[in-house]
Amino acid sequence: SAAQLAVAWVLHQSGITGAIIGPRNMNQFESLMPAVDVKLDEDDSKFCDELVMPGKHVTSYFNTSKWMP
């Protein structure tokens, strides 16, 4: 699923040791667990980077302390 791909992508980023997922019920939690076993290869990573280029999407939605210009 798209949610599993998103969690797998997060887990494959260098320096990341865990993903914050926030399911609202046990079914949502259980549906995301297979993402732990997903192995992304270089082509998968390139595909994800084409969806949203690295460094191209920065939002100030939570910028309440004005740290971001």
PDB file of N, CA and C in Angstrom:
ATOM      1  N   SER A   1       0.839  -1.190   0.000  1.00  0.00           N
ATOM      2  CA  SER A   1       0.000   0.000   0.000  1.00  0.00           C
ATOM      3  C   SER A   1       0.882   1.251   0.000  1.00  0.00           C
ATOM      4  N   ALA A   2       0.276   2.368  -0.304  1.00  0.00           N
ATOM      5  CA  ALA A   2       1.018   3.634  -0.297  1.00  0.00           C
ATOM      6  C   ALA A   2       1.547   3.940   1.097  1.00  0.00           C
ATOM      7  N   ALA A   3       0.764   3.623   2.118  1.00  0.00           N
ATOM      8  CA  ALA A   3       1.209   3.876   3.490  1.00  0.00           C
ATOM      9  C   ALA A   3       2.411   3.002   3.841  1.00  0.00           C
ATOM     10  N   GLN A   4       2.401   1.761   3.411  1.00  0.00           N
ATOM     11  CA  GLN A   4       3.540   0.868   3.665  1.00  0.00           C
ATOM     12  C   GLN A   4       4.779   1.366   2.932  1.00  0.00           C
ATOM     13  N   LEU A   5       4.617   1.837   1.699  1.00  0.00           N
ATOM     14  CA  LEU A   5       5.746   2.379   0.951  1.00  0.00           C
ATOM     15  C   LEU A   5       6.314   3.603   1.662  1.00  0.00           C
ATOM     16  N   ALA A   6       5.443   4.458   2.161  1.00  0.00           N
ATOM     17  CA  ALA A   6       5.898   5.662   2.860  1.00  0.00           C
ATOM     18  C   ALA A   6       6.708   5.312   4.107  1.00  0.00           C
ATOM     19  N   VAL A   7       6.225   4.368   4.885  1.00  0.00           N
ATOM     20  CA  VAL A   7       6.943   3.961   6.093  1.00  0.00           C
ATOM     21  C   VAL A   7       8.259   3.287   5.717  1.00  0.00           C
ATOM     22  N   ALA A   8       8.232   2.438   4.699  1.00  0.00           N
ATOM     23  CA  ALA A   8       9.462   1.777   4.251  1.00  0.00           C
ATOM     24  C   ALA A   8      10.480   2.812   3.781  1.00  0.00           C
ATOM     25  N   TRP A   9      10.028   3.831   3.059  1.00  0.00           N
ATOM     26  CA  TRP A   9      10.932   4.876   2.579  1.00  0.00           C
ATOM     27  C   TRP A   9      11.583   5.598   3.758  1.00  0.00           C
ATOM     28  N   VAL A  10      10.782   5.951   4.759  1.00  0.00           N
ATOM     29  CA  VAL A  10      11.327   6.623   5.945  1.00  0.00           C
ATOM     30  C   VAL A  10      12.389   5.749   6.594  1.00  0.00           C
ATOM     31  N   LEU A  11      12.097   4.476   6.746  1.00  0.00           N
ATOM     32  CA  LEU A  11      13.028   3.563   7.410  1.00  0.00           C
ATOM     33  C   LEU A  11      14.315   3.349   6.619  1.00  0.00           C
ATOM     34  N   HIS A  12      14.299   3.633   5.314  1.00  0.00           N
ATOM     35  CA  HIS A  12      15.492   3.470   4.480  1.00  0.00           C
ATOM     36  C   HIS A  12      16.334   4.736   4.375  1.00  0.00           C
ATOM     37  N   GLN A  13      15.937   5.810   5.054  1.00  0.00           N
ATOM     38  CA  GLN A  13      16.728   7.037   5.017  1.00  0.00           C
ATOM     39  C   GLN A  13      17.897   6.905   5.989  1.00  0.00           C
ATOM     40  N   SER A  14      19.059   7.378   5.551  1.00  0.00           N
ATOM     41  CA  SER A  14      20.233   7.267   6.413  1.00  0.00           C
ATOM     42  C   SER A  14      20.027   8.080   7.685  1.00  0.00           C
ATOM     43  N   GLY A  15      20.463   7.522   8.788  1.00  0.00           N
ATOM     44  CA  GLY A  15      20.340   8.187  10.073  1.00  0.00           C
ATOM     45  C   GLY A  15      19.000   8.006  10.762  1.00  0.00           C
ATOM     46  N   ILE A  16      18.062   7.372  10.116  1.00  0.00           N
ATOM     47  CA  ILE A  16      16.726   7.153  10.693  1.00  0.00           C
ATOM     48  C   ILE A  16      16.708   5.789  11.376  1.00  0.00           C
ATOM     49  N   THR A  17      16.286   5.766  12.617  1.00  0.00           N
ATOM     50  CA  THR A  17      16.226   4.502  13.350  1.00  0.00           C
ATOM     51  C   THR A  17      14.801   4.035  13.606  1.00  0.00           C
ATOM     52  N   GLY A  18      13.812   4.885  13.311  1.00  0.00           N
ATOM     53  CA  GLY A  18      12.427   4.495  13.512  1.00  0.00           C
ATOM     54  C   GLY A  18      11.494   5.480  12.847  1.00  0.00           C
ATOM     55  N   ALA A  19      10.269   5.042  12.606  1.00  0.00           N
ATOM     56  CA  ALA A  19       9.248   5.889  11.992  1.00  0.00           C
ATOM     57  C   ALA A  19       8.124   6.120  12.989  1.00  0.00           C
ATOM     58  N   ILE A  20       7.645   7.338  13.061  1.00  0.00           N
ATOM     59  CA  ILE A  20       6.483   7.652  13.896  1.00  0.00           C
ATOM     60  C   ILE A  20       5.257   7.486  13.010  1.00  0.00           C
ATOM     61  N   ILE A  21       4.391   6.534  13.335  1.00  0.00           N
ATOM     62  CA  ILE A  21       3.289   6.214  12.433  1.00  0.00           C
ATOM     63  C   ILE A  21       1.925   6.714  12.905  1.00  0.00           C
ATOM     64  N   GLY A  22       1.595   6.639  14.160  1.00  0.00           N
ATOM     65  CA  GLY A  22       0.347   7.191  14.696  1.00  0.00           C
ATOM     66  C   GLY A  22      -0.947   6.546  14.236  1.00  0.00           C
ATOM     67  N   PRO A  23      -1.056   5.212  14.258  1.00  0.00           N
ATOM     68  CA  PRO A  23      -2.325   4.594  13.886  1.00  0.00           C
ATOM     69  C   PRO A  23      -3.397   4.901  14.931  1.00  0.00           C
ATOM     70  N   ARG A  24      -4.645   4.899  14.490  1.00  0.00           N
ATOM     71  CA  ARG A  24      -5.764   5.184  15.406  1.00  0.00           C
ATOM     72  C   ARG A  24      -6.427   3.925  15.938  1.00  0.00           C
ATOM     73  N   ASN A  25      -6.118   2.798  15.327  1.00  0.00           N
ATOM     74  CA  ASN A  25      -6.679   1.546  15.827  1.00  0.00           C
ATOM     75  C   ASN A  25      -5.726   0.399  15.475  1.00  0.00           C
ATOM     76  N   MET A  26      -5.999  -0.765  16.012  1.00  0.00           N
ATOM     77  CA  MET A  26      -5.120  -1.903  15.829  1.00  0.00           C
ATOM     78  C   MET A  26      -5.055  -2.348  14.365  1.00  0.00           C
ATOM     79  N   ASN A  27      -6.147  -2.237  13.625  1.00  0.00           N
ATOM     80  CA  ASN A  27      -6.125  -2.620  12.213  1.00  0.00           C
ATOM     81  C   ASN A  27      -5.152  -1.748  11.427  1.00  0.00           C
ATOM     82  N   GLN A  28      -5.145  -0.450  11.693  1.00  0.00           N
ATOM     83  CA  GLN A  28      -4.205   0.446  11.018  1.00  0.00           C
ATOM     84  C   GLN A  28      -2.772   0.087  11.392  1.00  0.00           C
ATOM     85  N   PHE A  29      -2.550  -0.187  12.661  1.00  0.00           N
ATOM     86  CA  PHE A  29      -1.218  -0.569  13.117  1.00  0.00           C
ATOM     87  C   PHE A  29      -0.744  -1.832  12.409  1.00  0.00           C
ATOM     88  N   GLU A  30      -1.583  -2.859  12.412  1.00  0.00           N
ATOM     89  CA  GLU A  30      -1.216  -4.136  11.809  1.00  0.00           C
ATOM     90  C   GLU A  30      -1.005  -4.018  10.302  1.00  0.00           C
ATOM     91  N   SER A  31      -1.741  -3.101   9.657  1.00  0.00           N
ATOM     92  CA  SER A  31      -1.585  -2.951   8.203  1.00  0.00           C
ATOM     93  C   SER A  31      -0.243  -2.316   7.838  1.00  0.00           C
ATOM     94  N   LEU A  32       0.381  -1.601   8.770  1.00  0.00           N
ATOM     95  CA  LEU A  32       1.665  -0.956   8.505  1.00  0.00           C
ATOM     96  C   LEU A  32       2.868  -1.835   8.841  1.00  0.00           C
ATOM     97  N   MET A  33       2.665  -2.865   9.613  1.00  0.00           N
ATOM     98  CA  MET A  33       3.783  -3.696  10.050  1.00  0.00           C
ATOM     99  C   MET A  33       4.574  -4.354   8.911  1.00  0.00           C
ATOM    100  N   PRO A  34       3.940  -4.755   7.806  1.00  0.00           N
ATOM    101  CA  PRO A  34       4.731  -5.333   6.712  1.00  0.00           C
ATOM    102  C   PRO A  34       5.777  -4.366   6.139  1.00  0.00           C
ATOM    103  N   ALA A  35       5.634  -3.084   6.357  1.00  0.00           N
ATOM    104  CA  ALA A  35       6.601  -2.097   5.856  1.00  0.00           C
ATOM    105  C   ALA A  35       7.986  -2.325   6.438  1.00  0.00           C
ATOM    106  N   VAL A  36       8.054  -2.922   7.610  1.00  0.00           N
ATOM    107  CA  VAL A  36       9.341  -3.186   8.254  1.00  0.00           C
ATOM    108  C   VAL A  36      10.176  -4.152   7.416  1.00  0.00           C
ATOM    109  N   ASP A  37       9.524  -5.051   6.706  1.00  0.00           N
ATOM    110  CA  ASP A  37      10.223  -6.063   5.919  1.00  0.00           C
ATOM    111  C   ASP A  37      10.448  -5.660   4.459  1.00  0.00           C
ATOM    112  N   VAL A  38       9.945  -4.491   4.065  1.00  0.00           N
ATOM    113  CA  VAL A  38      10.112  -4.041   2.681  1.00  0.00           C
ATOM    114  C   VAL A  38      11.553  -3.612   2.460  1.00  0.00           C
ATOM    115  N   LYS A  39      12.148  -4.110   1.401  1.00  0.00           N
ATOM    116  CA  LYS A  39      13.515  -3.743   1.028  1.00  0.00           C
ATOM    117  C   LYS A  39      13.433  -2.876  -0.226  1.00  0.00           C
ATOM    118  N   LEU A  40      13.868  -1.635  -0.118  1.00  0.00           N
ATOM    119  CA  LEU A  40      13.869  -0.739  -1.272  1.00  0.00           C
ATOM    120  C   LEU A  40      15.234  -0.782  -1.939  1.00  0.00           C
ATOM    121  N   ASP A  41      15.246  -1.020  -3.246  1.00  0.00           N
ATOM    122  CA  ASP A  41      16.509  -0.988  -3.967  1.00  0.00           C
ATOM    123  C   ASP A  41      16.706   0.403  -4.577  1.00  0.00           C
ATOM    124  N   GLU A  42      17.764   0.572  -5.338  1.00  0.00           N
ATOM    125  CA  GLU A  42      18.089   1.889  -5.898  1.00  0.00           C
ATOM    126  C   GLU A  42      16.990   2.391  -6.834  1.00  0.00           C
ATOM    127  N   ASP A  43      16.407   1.498  -7.623  1.00  0.00           N
ATOM    128  CA  ASP A  43      15.324   1.904  -8.519  1.00  0.00           C
ATOM    129  C   ASP A  43      14.102   2.382  -7.740  1.00  0.00           C
ATOM    130  N   ASP A  44      13.792   1.699  -6.646  1.00  0.00           N
ATOM    131  CA  ASP A  44      12.670   2.122  -5.802  1.00  0.00           C
ATOM    132  C   ASP A  44      12.921   3.520  -5.232  1.00  0.00           C
ATOM    133  N   SER A  45      14.138   3.746  -4.759  1.00  0.00           N
ATOM    134  CA  SER A  45      14.482   5.052  -4.196  1.00  0.00           C
ATOM    135  C   SER A  45      14.401   6.143  -5.249  1.00  0.00           C
ATOM    136  N   LYS A  46      14.871   5.853  -6.459  1.00  0.00           N
ATOM    137  CA  LYS A  46      14.783   6.826  -7.557  1.00  0.00           C
ATOM    138  C   LYS A  46      13.332   7.142  -7.879  1.00  0.00           C
ATOM    139  N   PHE A  47      12.481   6.109  -7.882  1.00  0.00           N
ATOM    140  CA  PHE A  47      11.054   6.318  -8.134  1.00  0.00           C
ATOM    141  C   PHE A  47      10.452   7.259  -7.097  1.00  0.00           C
ATOM    142  N   CYS A  48      10.753   7.023  -5.835  1.00  0.00           N
ATOM    143  CA  CYS A  48      10.238   7.881  -4.763  1.00  0.00           C
ATOM    144  C   CYS A  48      10.769   9.307  -4.907  1.00  0.00           C
ATOM    145  N   ASP A  49      12.041   9.450  -5.276  1.00  0.00           N
ATOM    146  CA  ASP A  49      12.633  10.774  -5.454  1.00  0.00           C
ATOM    147  C   ASP A  49      12.000  11.524  -6.625  1.00  0.00           C
ATOM    148  N   GLU A  50      11.512  10.798  -7.630  1.00  0.00           N
ATOM    149  CA  GLU A  50      10.832  11.442  -8.745  1.00  0.00           C
ATOM    150  C   GLU A  50       9.462  11.953  -8.327  1.00  0.00           C
ATOM    151  N   LEU A  51       8.839  11.305  -7.354  1.00  0.00           N
ATOM    152  CA  LEU A  51       7.538  11.772  -6.870  1.00  0.00           C
ATOM    153  C   LEU A  51       7.674  13.118  -6.172  1.00  0.00           C
ATOM    154  N   VAL A  52       8.659  13.227  -5.310  1.00  0.00           N
ATOM    155  CA  VAL A  52       8.970  14.468  -4.606  1.00  0.00           C
ATOM    156  C   VAL A  52      10.489  14.556  -4.547  1.00  0.00           C
ATOM    157  N   MET A  53      11.052  15.452  -5.325  1.00  0.00           N
ATOM    158  CA  MET A  53      12.496  15.584  -5.391  1.00  0.00           C
ATOM    159  C   MET A  53      13.056  15.941  -4.011  1.00  0.00           C
ATOM    160  N   PRO A  54      14.157  15.323  -3.613  1.00  0.00           N
ATOM    161  CA  PRO A  54      14.761  15.627  -2.312  1.00  0.00           C
ATOM    162  C   PRO A  54      15.077  17.122  -2.190  1.00  0.00           C
ATOM    163  N   GLY A  55      14.671  17.700  -1.062  1.00  0.00           N
ATOM    164  CA  GLY A  55      14.941  19.102  -0.799  1.00  0.00           C
ATOM    165  C   GLY A  55      14.007  20.073  -1.486  1.00  0.00           C
ATOM    166  N   LYS A  56      13.045  19.592  -2.244  1.00  0.00           N
ATOM    167  CA  LYS A  56      12.150  20.480  -2.993  1.00  0.00           C
ATOM    168  C   LYS A  56      10.871  20.811  -2.236  1.00  0.00           C
ATOM    169  N   HIS A  57      10.538  20.016  -1.243  1.00  0.00           N
ATOM    170  CA  HIS A  57       9.305  20.290  -0.510  1.00  0.00           C
ATOM    171  C   HIS A  57       9.633  20.595   0.945  1.00  0.00           C
ATOM    172  N   VAL A  58       9.512  21.841   1.286  1.00  0.00           N
ATOM    173  CA  VAL A  58       9.706  22.269   2.669  1.00  0.00           C
ATOM    174  C   VAL A  58       8.489  23.098   3.023  1.00  0.00           C
ATOM    175  N   THR A  59       7.872  22.773   4.120  1.00  0.00           N
ATOM    176  CA  THR A  59       6.686  23.505   4.521  1.00  0.00           C
ATOM    177  C   THR A  59       6.937  24.245   5.819  1.00  0.00           C
ATOM    178  N   SER A  60       6.296  25.373   5.976  1.00  0.00           N
ATOM    179  CA  SER A  60       6.422  26.118   7.230  1.00  0.00           C
ATOM    180  C   SER A  60       5.157  25.960   8.068  1.00  0.00           C
ATOM    181  N   TYR A  61       4.386  24.915   7.783  1.00  0.00           N
ATOM    182  CA  TYR A  61       3.116  24.687   8.476  1.00  0.00           C
ATOM    183  C   TYR A  61       3.280  24.689   9.993  1.00  0.00           C
ATOM    184  N   PHE A  62       4.328  24.063  10.493  1.00  0.00           N
ATOM    185  CA  PHE A  62       4.555  23.988  11.936  1.00  0.00           C
ATOM    186  C   PHE A  62       5.645  24.957  12.390  1.00  0.00           C
ATOM    187  N   ASN A  63       5.926  25.971  11.606  1.00  0.00           N
ATOM    188  CA  ASN A  63       7.006  26.903  11.895  1.00  0.00           C
ATOM    189  C   ASN A  63       6.544  28.001  12.864  1.00  0.00           C
ATOM    190  N   THR A  64       6.031  27.601  14.004  1.00  0.00           N
ATOM    191  CA  THR A  64       5.504  28.589  14.941  1.00  0.00           C
ATOM    192  C   THR A  64       6.596  29.412  15.603  1.00  0.00           C
ATOM    193  N   SER A  65       7.805  28.886  15.688  1.00  0.00           N
ATOM    194  CA  SER A  65       8.891  29.643  16.316  1.00  0.00           C
ATOM    195  C   SER A  65       9.665  30.470  15.285  1.00  0.00           C
ATOM    196  N   LYS A  66       9.207  30.437  14.033  1.00  0.00           N
ATOM    197  CA  LYS A  66       9.795  31.233  12.943  1.00  0.00           C
ATOM    198  C   LYS A  66      11.261  30.911  12.689  1.00  0.00           C
ATOM    199  N   TRP A  67      11.665  29.656  12.866  1.00  0.00           N
ATOM    200  CA  TRP A  67      13.054  29.269  12.603  1.00  0.00           C
ATOM    201  C   TRP A  67      13.332  29.172  11.106  1.00  0.00           C
ATOM    202  N   MET A  68      12.263  29.026  10.305  1.00  0.00           N
ATOM    203  CA  MET A  68      12.438  28.885   8.870  1.00  0.00           C
ATOM    204  C   MET A  68      11.983  30.181   8.193  1.00  0.00           C
ATOM    205  N   PRO A  69      12.781  30.730   7.271  1.00  0.00           N
ATOM    206  CA  PRO A  69      12.374  31.983   6.604  1.00  0.00           C
ATOM    207  C   PRO A  69      11.125  31.827   5.782  1.00  0.00           C
TER     208      PRO A  69
END
